[in-house]
Amino acid sequence: LQGCHNDVRRMQQLIRSFGFPPRVGDQRVLMDDGQCTEPTKANIWSSLLWLVEGAEPGDALFLHFSGHGGQVRDLSGDEESGFDQTMIPVDHKVAGSILDDDIL
């Protein structure tokens, strides 16, 4: 999705403008552009864990997701709408989606 790739590039510019330089090891970009790490379910999970690993009070963490999402029937009963929100990784047909319940 070219629009999603543009969103990522614009978001990188925005966070730089707030004083977060693109230092190696400070940011991870997952994108299906053939240059970045693919946004597979495993890579998204690995990156989410990397983001919060070692986080301490006062740290600023930032996550931007630009891609497909969806809804599935809420099986745990915690959603007022009756639906869970999902992130849909590039390998969703094999690995499945990522539920909001699993992240939060």
C-alpha atoms as a PDB file:
ATOM      1  CA  LEU A   1       0.000   0.000   0.000  1.00  0.00           C
ATOM      2  CA  GLN A   2       1.813   3.090  -1.241  1.00  0.00           C
ATOM      3  CA  GLY A   3      -0.288   5.377   0.966  1.00  0.00           C
ATOM      4  CA  CYS A   4       0.865   3.484   4.056  1.00  0.00           C
ATOM      5  CA  HIS A   5       4.497   3.806   2.969  1.00  0.00           C
ATOM      6  CA  ASN A   6       4.009   7.564   2.585  1.00  0.00           C
ATOM      7  CA  ASP A   7       2.398   7.697   6.053  1.00  0.00           C
ATOM      8  CA  VAL A   8       5.475   6.055   7.571  1.00  0.00           C
ATOM      9  CA  ARG A   9       7.874   8.456   5.856  1.00  0.00           C
ATOM     10  CA  ARG A  10       5.817  11.467   6.933  1.00  0.00           C
ATOM     11  CA  MET A  11       5.628  10.176  10.489  1.00  0.00           C
ATOM     12  CA  GLN A  12       9.421   9.795  10.541  1.00  0.00           C
ATOM     13  CA  GLN A  13       9.728  13.453   9.507  1.00  0.00           C
ATOM     14  CA  LEU A  14       7.245  14.496  12.190  1.00  0.00           C
ATOM     15  CA  ILE A  15       8.980  12.705  15.052  1.00  0.00           C
ATOM     16  CA  ARG A  16      12.330  14.133  13.906  1.00  0.00           C
ATOM     17  CA  SER A  17      10.784  17.602  14.091  1.00  0.00           C
ATOM     18  CA  PHE A  18       9.967  16.899  17.765  1.00  0.00           C
ATOM     19  CA  GLY A  19      13.623  16.169  18.504  1.00  0.00           C
ATOM     20  CA  PHE A  20      13.781  12.402  18.062  1.00  0.00           C
ATOM     21  CA  PRO A  21      16.699  11.859  15.659  1.00  0.00           C
ATOM     22  CA  PRO A  22      16.789   8.659  13.565  1.00  0.00           C
ATOM     23  CA  ARG A  23      19.671   7.054  15.481  1.00  0.00           C
ATOM     24  CA  VAL A  24      20.423   3.417  14.782  1.00  0.00           C
ATOM     25  CA  GLY A  25      18.826   1.324  17.510  1.00  0.00           C
ATOM     26  CA  ASP A  26      16.312   4.005  18.535  1.00  0.00           C
ATOM     27  CA  GLN A  27      13.704   3.270  15.874  1.00  0.00           C
ATOM     28  CA  ARG A  28      12.328   0.267  14.068  1.00  0.00           C
ATOM     29  CA  VAL A  29      10.483   0.507  10.788  1.00  0.00           C
ATOM     30  CA  LEU A  30       8.526  -2.431   9.425  1.00  0.00           C
ATOM     31  CA  MET A  31       7.337  -1.960   5.882  1.00  0.00           C
ATOM     32  CA  ASP A  32       6.583  -4.210   2.917  1.00  0.00           C
ATOM     33  CA  ASP A  33       8.686  -2.151   0.525  1.00  0.00           C
ATOM     34  CA  GLY A  34      11.451  -4.697  -0.093  1.00  0.00           C
ATOM     35  CA  GLN A  35      13.975  -2.617   1.872  1.00  0.00           C
ATOM     36  CA  CYS A  36      12.712  -2.656   5.461  1.00  0.00           C
ATOM     37  CA  THR A  37      11.897  -5.586   7.697  1.00  0.00           C
ATOM     38  CA  GLU A  38       8.569  -7.112   6.633  1.00  0.00           C
ATOM     39  CA  PRO A  39       5.594  -6.410   8.930  1.00  0.00           C
ATOM     40  CA  THR A  40       4.833 -10.060   9.636  1.00  0.00           C
ATOM     41  CA  LYS A  41       2.977 -11.055  12.782  1.00  0.00           C
ATOM     42  CA  ALA A  42       6.205 -12.305  14.381  1.00  0.00           C
ATOM     43  CA  ASN A  43       8.111  -9.147  13.434  1.00  0.00           C
ATOM     44  CA  ILE A  44       5.345  -6.889  14.744  1.00  0.00           C
ATOM     45  CA  TRP A  45       5.309  -8.790  18.061  1.00  0.00           C
ATOM     46  CA  SER A  46       9.092  -8.696  18.277  1.00  0.00           C
ATOM     47  CA  SER A  47       9.061  -4.951  17.657  1.00  0.00           C
ATOM     48  CA  LEU A  48       6.322  -4.316  20.231  1.00  0.00           C
ATOM     49  CA  LEU A  49       8.361  -6.204  22.833  1.00  0.00           C
ATOM     50  CA  TRP A  50      11.520  -4.319  21.782  1.00  0.00           C
ATOM     51  CA  LEU A  51       9.667  -1.013  22.189  1.00  0.00           C
ATOM     52  CA  VAL A  52       8.682  -1.613  25.816  1.00  0.00           C
ATOM     53  CA  GLU A  53      11.749  -3.609  26.873  1.00  0.00           C
ATOM     54  CA  GLY A  54      13.677  -1.587  29.415  1.00  0.00           C
ATOM     55  CA  ALA A  55      11.179   1.272  29.430  1.00  0.00           C
ATOM     56  CA  GLU A  56      11.321   3.353  32.580  1.00  0.00           C
ATOM     57  CA  PRO A  57       9.109   6.077  34.065  1.00  0.00           C
ATOM     58  CA  GLY A  58       9.533   9.284  32.069  1.00  0.00           C
ATOM     59  CA  ASP A  59      10.523   7.537  28.830  1.00  0.00           C
ATOM     60  CA  ALA A  60       8.752   8.584  25.644  1.00  0.00           C
ATOM     61  CA  LEU A  61       7.635   5.645  23.508  1.00  0.00           C
ATOM     62  CA  PHE A  62       5.971   6.000  20.146  1.00  0.00           C
ATOM     63  CA  LEU A  63       4.171   3.468  17.967  1.00  0.00           C
ATOM     64  CA  HIS A  64       2.678   4.261  14.576  1.00  0.00           C
ATOM     65  CA  PHE A  65       0.702   1.680  12.606  1.00  0.00           C
ATOM     66  CA  SER A  66      -0.369   2.379   9.063  1.00  0.00           C
ATOM     67  CA  GLY A  67      -1.891  -0.661   7.465  1.00  0.00           C
ATOM     68  CA  HIS A  68      -4.959  -2.805   7.313  1.00  0.00           C
ATOM     69  CA  GLY A  69      -7.068  -3.391  10.365  1.00  0.00           C
ATOM     70  CA  GLY A  70     -10.288  -5.172  10.997  1.00  0.00           C
ATOM     71  CA  GLN A  71     -12.831  -6.330  13.518  1.00  0.00           C
ATOM     72  CA  VAL A  72     -13.710  -9.750  14.836  1.00  0.00           C
ATOM     73  CA  ARG A  73     -16.437 -10.779  17.230  1.00  0.00           C
ATOM     74  CA  ASP A  74     -15.366 -10.196  20.832  1.00  0.00           C
ATOM     75  CA  LEU A  75     -15.146 -13.553  22.573  1.00  0.00           C
ATOM     76  CA  SER A  76     -14.010 -12.236  25.966  1.00  0.00           C
ATOM     77  CA  GLY A  77     -16.929  -9.852  26.516  1.00  0.00           C
ATOM     78  CA  ASP A  78     -14.767  -6.815  27.266  1.00  0.00           C
ATOM     79  CA  GLU A  79     -15.789  -4.727  24.244  1.00  0.00           C
ATOM     80  CA  GLU A  80     -18.899  -2.579  24.481  1.00  0.00           C
ATOM     81  CA  SER A  81     -19.271  -2.767  20.705  1.00  0.00           C
ATOM     82  CA  GLY A  82     -19.086  -6.559  20.720  1.00  0.00           C
ATOM     83  CA  PHE A  83     -16.032  -6.494  18.457  1.00  0.00           C
ATOM     84  CA  ASP A  84     -12.271  -6.641  18.960  1.00  0.00           C
ATOM     85  CA  GLN A  85     -10.045  -4.499  16.753  1.00  0.00           C
ATOM     86  CA  THR A  86      -7.278  -6.195  14.769  1.00  0.00           C
ATOM     87  CA  MET A  87      -4.010  -5.349  13.082  1.00  0.00           C
ATOM     88  CA  ILE A  88      -3.578  -7.346   9.897  1.00  0.00           C
ATOM     89  CA  PRO A  89       0.066  -8.277   9.205  1.00  0.00           C
ATOM     90  CA  VAL A  90       1.315  -9.195   5.731  1.00  0.00           C
ATOM     91  CA  ASP A  91       1.266 -12.905   6.625  1.00  0.00           C
ATOM     92  CA  HIS A  92      -2.208 -12.868   8.189  1.00  0.00           C
ATOM     93  CA  LYS A  93      -3.489 -15.684   5.979  1.00  0.00           C
ATOM     94  CA  VAL A  94      -0.956 -18.020   7.598  1.00  0.00           C
ATOM     95  CA  ALA A  95      -0.231 -16.414  10.981  1.00  0.00           C
ATOM     96  CA  GLY A  96      -3.524 -14.667  11.736  1.00  0.00           C
ATOM     97  CA  SER A  97      -4.266 -11.154  12.910  1.00  0.00           C
ATOM     98  CA  ILE A  98      -3.195  -9.379  16.095  1.00  0.00           C
ATOM     99  CA  LEU A  99      -6.084  -8.645  18.472  1.00  0.00           C
ATOM    100  CA  ASP A 100      -6.279  -5.523  20.602  1.00  0.00           C
ATOM    101  CA  ASP A 101      -6.845  -7.833  23.605  1.00  0.00           C
ATOM    102  CA  ASP A 102      -3.421  -9.365  23.009  1.00  0.00           C
ATOM    103  CA  ILE A 103      -1.672  -5.989  22.968  1.00  0.00           C
ATOM    104  CA  LEU A 104      -3.451  -4.227  25.805  1.00  0.00           C
END
